[in-house]
Amino acid sequence: MRRTEPGGGIRRHRVGRSLSVAVAAVALGSGLAACSAAPSAPSDSTDSVLMGHGAAHLPNTTASDWVTYADHVVVVSATAETEIAPTEEELARGEGVIGRTVDLKVEKVLWSRPGASRPAPAVWAYDAVGWQFSDGDTDNRLRMALAEQPRVEPGHWYVMALAWEDAVCSGEVAEPGQWRGLGEGSEVPFDGGVLGRGELEGRTVTPAPALVAEPGEDGSLEREVAGQGADALVRALREAVPQSPTFQARPQEPRDTCA
């Protein structure tokens, strides 16, 4: 999906040094694989962003995907962020990742799946990508983001499709129940009440006119409603036909099997 800057020109990354960092899966909407050697500006530039690529947590492209796998579609405002310190191993190595938790306030519930197991949350602590640091200095950092996905930054608004996951076991560790997004296609900038306007990959964007004029060839809901208000998205969700869910994000093991 092509995005434009406020002036209408296609966004381009500025070229800088190559960085490659293996990172844990921290984005709620995606499984983060790794940050590639994406072009970036020098690390002292406010425009510098180290791009990563994520795997979809759940199908999230079409309106049918949303109404099949999401429990709620909400409008949220990002109110604050908290840094997550790097590990002792990363500090000793002199390079690694500084994580982030972003506080989201649910401003409005746009849609809820009939039979959802619980109501939409009023607030949501969203695990977001943070920064990569190097040269043994945590202040020498580069912002990280997932390609084609909001970084989720305070001061911006978003529309998000979210689903509740019950507590499960992963090896000997019990993961608590949590809200998660579906993936890249289910997190949409929404500044000023316009879908596609706002923060994306750490930059401010506006929906491309071509996206508004042309229907999405891939059936993308995000493309279909770009440049419109929330009513267009709600209408598309109400008209969508749910699928028979067959996708499973991770093995569902009873919590009491944890050692």
Protein backbone atom coordinates (compact mmCIF):
# COMPACT_ATOMS: atom_id res chain seq x y z
CA MET A 1 0.00 0.00 0.00
CA ARG A 2 1.55 3.29 -1.10
CA ARG A 3 1.58 6.17 1.36
CA THR A 4 2.28 9.84 0.76
CA GLU A 5 3.70 12.65 2.82
CA PRO A 6 1.47 15.69 3.50
CA GLY A 7 2.70 17.34 0.30
CA GLY A 8 1.55 14.38 -1.79
CA GLY A 9 4.98 13.03 -2.80
CA ILE A 10 5.85 9.38 -2.40
CA ARG A 11 7.77 8.79 0.84
CA ARG A 12 11.42 7.76 0.50
CA HIS A 13 13.84 6.61 3.19
CA ARG A 14 17.11 8.54 3.35
CA VAL A 15 20.22 6.46 2.93
CA GLY A 16 22.52 5.89 5.90
CA ARG A 17 24.56 3.13 7.43
CA SER A 18 23.27 -0.45 7.31
CA LEU A 19 22.04 -1.99 10.51
CA SER A 20 20.83 -5.52 11.13
CA VAL A 21 19.38 -6.40 14.51
CA ALA A 22 17.64 -9.58 15.67
CA VAL A 23 14.68 -8.53 17.78
CA ALA A 24 12.07 -10.24 19.96
CA ALA A 25 8.44 -10.27 18.82
CA VAL A 26 7.10 -7.27 20.67
CA ALA A 27 4.47 -5.73 18.42
CA LEU A 28 0.98 -6.68 19.51
CA GLY A 29 -0.33 -6.79 15.98
CA SER A 30 2.55 -8.70 14.41
CA GLY A 31 5.25 -11.20 15.08
CA LEU A 32 8.39 -9.13 14.53
CA ALA A 33 10.95 -11.15 12.65
CA ALA A 34 13.99 -8.90 12.39
CA CYS A 35 15.02 -5.40 11.50
CA SER A 36 16.71 -5.53 8.14
CA ALA A 37 19.42 -3.31 6.79
CA ALA A 38 16.81 -0.80 5.67
CA PRO A 39 17.99 2.60 4.49
CA SER A 40 17.93 5.18 7.24
CA ALA A 41 19.23 8.61 8.02
CA PRO A 42 22.16 9.13 10.41
CA SER A 43 21.28 8.24 13.98
CA ASP A 44 21.24 11.87 15.15
CA SER A 45 18.43 12.76 12.74
CA THR A 46 14.87 13.01 14.00
CA ASP A 47 13.78 11.37 10.72
CA SER A 48 15.87 8.24 11.29
CA VAL A 49 13.87 5.03 11.41
CA LEU A 50 15.23 1.48 11.36
CA MET A 51 12.66 -0.57 9.46
CA GLY A 52 11.64 -4.10 10.41
CA HIS A 53 9.26 -6.63 8.90
CA GLY A 54 6.60 -8.55 10.79
CA ALA A 55 4.54 -11.67 10.26
CA ALA A 56 0.77 -11.38 10.60
CA HIS A 57 -0.63 -12.50 13.93
CA LEU A 58 -4.04 -13.21 12.39
CA PRO A 59 -5.53 -12.59 8.92
CA ASN A 60 -6.14 -8.85 8.76
CA THR A 61 -6.44 -7.57 5.19
CA THR A 62 -10.13 -7.64 4.29
CA ALA A 63 -13.33 -6.62 6.04
CA SER A 64 -14.16 -10.32 6.19
CA ASP A 65 -10.88 -10.94 8.04
CA TRP A 66 -11.72 -8.24 10.57
CA VAL A 67 -15.21 -9.50 11.38
CA THR A 68 -13.97 -13.10 11.55
CA TYR A 69 -10.98 -12.69 13.86
CA ALA A 70 -11.51 -9.44 15.78
CA ASP A 71 -13.59 -9.05 18.92
CA HIS A 72 -13.76 -5.26 18.65
CA VAL A 73 -12.76 -2.41 16.38
CA VAL A 74 -11.92 0.70 18.36
CA VAL A 75 -10.68 4.25 18.05
CA VAL A 76 -7.74 4.83 20.38
CA SER A 77 -5.57 7.76 21.33
CA ALA A 78 -1.96 7.20 22.37
CA THR A 79 -1.48 9.11 25.61
CA ALA A 80 1.96 8.15 26.96
CA GLU A 81 4.88 5.79 26.49
CA THR A 82 7.22 3.98 28.87
CA GLU A 83 10.66 2.67 27.98
CA ILE A 84 11.59 -0.96 28.64
CA ALA A 85 15.24 -1.29 29.59
CA PRO A 86 17.51 -3.54 27.53
CA THR A 87 18.74 -6.79 29.03
CA GLU A 88 22.00 -7.09 30.94
CA GLU A 89 23.41 -9.11 28.05
CA GLU A 90 22.62 -6.34 25.59
CA LEU A 91 24.14 -3.72 27.85
CA ALA A 92 27.28 -5.79 28.22
CA ARG A 93 27.45 -6.29 24.46
CA GLY A 94 27.01 -2.56 23.89
CA GLU A 95 24.10 -2.87 21.46
CA GLY A 96 20.53 -4.05 21.58
CA VAL A 97 16.94 -2.92 21.86
CA ILE A 98 15.10 -0.52 24.14
CA GLY A 99 11.44 -1.52 24.15
CA ARG A 100 8.31 0.57 24.64
CA THR A 101 4.88 0.26 26.19
CA VAL A 102 2.35 2.77 24.88
CA ASP A 103 -0.75 3.66 26.89
CA LEU A 104 -3.81 3.66 24.65
CA LYS A 105 -7.16 5.13 25.65
CA VAL A 106 -10.17 3.66 23.89
CA GLU A 107 -12.10 6.70 22.72
CA LYS A 108 -14.89 4.86 20.91
CA VAL A 109 -15.96 1.32 20.06
CA LEU A 110 -16.90 1.24 16.38
CA TRP A 111 -17.86 -2.43 16.05
CA SER A 112 -18.07 -5.53 18.23
CA ARG A 113 -18.39 -9.15 17.19
CA PRO A 114 -21.61 -10.75 18.39
CA GLY A 115 -20.74 -13.14 21.20
CA ALA A 116 -17.39 -11.52 22.03
CA SER A 117 -16.13 -13.08 25.26
CA ARG A 118 -15.57 -9.72 26.98
CA PRO A 119 -16.22 -6.03 26.35
CA ALA A 120 -13.62 -3.81 24.77
CA PRO A 121 -11.07 -2.43 27.23
CA ALA A 122 -11.15 1.20 28.36
CA VAL A 123 -7.36 1.38 28.24
CA TRP A 124 -4.73 -0.81 26.63
CA ALA A 125 -1.02 -1.15 27.40
CA TYR A 126 0.33 -1.72 23.90
CA ASP A 127 3.74 -3.37 23.48
CA ALA A 128 5.38 -1.38 20.68
CA VAL A 129 8.75 -1.39 18.96
CA GLY A 130 11.16 1.09 20.49
CA TRP A 131 14.77 1.92 19.65
CA GLN A 132 18.00 0.21 18.68
CA PHE A 133 21.07 1.41 20.58
CA SER A 134 24.74 0.87 19.75
CA ASP A 135 28.31 1.81 20.67
CA GLY A 136 27.64 1.00 24.32
CA ASP A 137 25.46 4.09 24.75
CA THR A 138 21.70 3.78 25.29
CA ASP A 139 21.36 7.45 24.34
CA ASN A 140 22.84 6.67 20.92
CA ARG A 141 19.61 5.25 19.62
CA LEU A 142 17.68 4.84 16.40
CA ARG A 143 13.90 4.64 16.27
CA MET A 144 12.49 1.32 15.09
CA ALA A 145 9.25 0.66 13.21
CA LEU A 146 7.55 -2.11 11.26
CA ALA A 147 7.11 -1.59 7.53
CA GLU A 148 3.66 -0.28 6.55
CA GLN A 149 2.54 -0.20 10.18
CA PRO A 150 2.09 2.62 12.70
CA ARG A 151 4.86 2.90 15.26
CA VAL A 152 2.11 4.09 17.66
CA GLU A 153 3.29 7.35 19.18
CA PRO A 154 1.74 9.61 21.83
CA GLY A 155 -0.34 12.45 20.42
CA HIS A 156 -1.77 10.39 17.57
CA TRP A 157 -5.05 8.54 17.04
CA TYR A 158 -5.60 5.15 15.44
CA VAL A 159 -8.32 2.68 14.51
CA MET A 160 -7.41 -0.84 15.63
CA ALA A 161 -9.02 -4.24 15.37
CA LEU A 162 -8.26 -6.29 18.48
CA ALA A 163 -8.90 -9.77 19.76
CA TRP A 164 -8.72 -11.27 23.24
CA GLU A 165 -6.36 -14.19 23.81
CA ASP A 166 -6.83 -16.36 26.88
CA ALA A 167 -3.89 -17.24 29.10
CA VAL A 168 -1.72 -20.00 27.64
CA CYS A 169 1.50 -21.81 28.42
CA SER A 170 4.67 -21.35 26.43
CA GLY A 171 7.09 -23.99 27.68
CA GLU A 172 7.21 -23.55 31.44
CA VAL A 173 5.94 -19.97 31.38
CA ALA A 174 2.27 -19.04 31.67
CA GLU A 175 1.39 -16.06 29.49
CA PRO A 176 -1.49 -14.03 30.92
CA GLY A 177 -4.59 -13.28 28.91
CA GLN A 178 -4.16 -10.23 26.75
CA TRP A 179 -5.58 -8.03 24.02
CA ARG A 180 -3.74 -8.23 20.71
CA GLY A 181 -4.10 -6.65 17.31
CA LEU A 182 -4.59 -8.72 14.17
CA GLY A 183 -1.63 -7.34 12.24
CA GLU A 184 -0.43 -4.59 9.90
CA GLY A 185 -3.69 -4.23 8.02
CA SER A 186 -5.72 -3.73 11.19
CA GLU A 187 -3.89 -0.70 12.59
CA VAL A 188 -4.87 2.44 10.72
CA PRO A 189 -3.79 6.06 11.32
CA PHE A 190 -6.81 8.19 12.26
CA ASP A 191 -5.72 11.73 13.10
CA GLY A 192 -8.49 14.28 12.63
CA GLY A 193 -11.06 11.54 12.09
CA VAL A 194 -9.65 10.61 8.66
CA LEU A 195 -8.62 7.01 7.97
CA GLY A 196 -5.07 6.87 6.66
CA ARG A 197 -4.07 10.27 8.04
CA GLY A 198 -1.57 10.45 10.90
CA GLU A 199 1.47 8.51 12.07
CA LEU A 200 2.84 5.63 10.01
CA GLU A 201 6.34 4.16 10.47
CA GLY A 202 7.11 7.12 12.75
CA ARG A 203 6.24 9.69 10.09
CA THR A 204 3.16 11.80 9.47
CA VAL A 205 1.29 10.73 6.34
CA THR A 206 -1.91 11.45 4.46
CA PRO A 207 -3.93 8.97 2.39
CA ALA A 208 -2.88 8.94 -1.25
CA PRO A 209 -5.62 10.28 -3.57
CA ALA A 210 -5.27 7.16 -5.71
CA LEU A 211 -6.30 5.02 -2.78
CA VAL A 212 -9.47 7.02 -2.31
CA ALA A 213 -10.39 6.93 -5.99
CA GLU A 214 -9.65 3.29 -6.74
CA PRO A 215 -11.02 0.20 -4.97
CA GLY A 216 -8.42 -2.06 -3.45
CA GLU A 217 -7.38 -4.72 -5.92
CA ASP A 218 -6.36 -6.95 -3.05
CA GLY A 219 -9.62 -6.45 -1.18
CA SER A 220 -7.81 -4.40 1.45
CA LEU A 221 -10.21 -2.76 3.87
CA GLU A 222 -7.58 -0.17 4.76
CA ARG A 223 -7.26 0.78 1.08
CA GLU A 224 -11.02 0.79 0.56
CA VAL A 225 -11.72 3.32 3.32
CA ALA A 226 -8.58 5.50 3.00
CA GLY A 227 -9.42 9.20 3.16
CA GLN A 228 -12.87 8.61 4.63
CA GLY A 229 -14.33 8.78 8.12
CA ALA A 230 -15.13 6.01 10.57
CA ASP A 231 -18.67 5.61 9.18
CA ALA A 232 -17.27 4.13 5.96
CA LEU A 233 -15.32 1.51 7.90
CA VAL A 234 -18.30 0.63 10.10
CA ARG A 235 -20.48 0.24 7.01
CA ALA A 236 -17.93 -2.10 5.41
CA LEU A 237 -17.75 -4.21 8.58
CA ARG A 238 -21.53 -4.51 8.84
CA GLU A 239 -21.75 -5.65 5.23
CA ALA A 240 -18.87 -8.15 5.52
CA VAL A 241 -19.51 -11.89 5.78
CA PRO A 242 -17.50 -13.75 8.45
CA GLN A 243 -15.44 -16.76 7.43
CA SER A 244 -15.10 -20.08 9.19
CA PRO A 245 -11.96 -19.38 11.28
CA THR A 246 -9.21 -21.87 10.57
CA PHE A 247 -6.13 -19.80 11.39
CA GLN A 248 -4.52 -20.38 14.79
CA ALA A 249 -1.88 -17.95 15.93
CA ARG A 250 -0.20 -20.23 18.47
CA PRO A 251 -0.87 -23.59 20.16
CA GLN A 252 -3.55 -23.29 22.79
CA GLU A 253 -2.41 -25.29 25.83
CA PRO A 254 -4.29 -25.36 29.14
CA ARG A 255 -2.64 -23.04 31.62
CA ASP A 256 -2.41 -25.77 34.26
CA THR A 257 0.04 -27.74 32.11
CA CYS A 258 2.81 -25.28 32.97
CA ALA A 259 5.50 -26.85 35.16
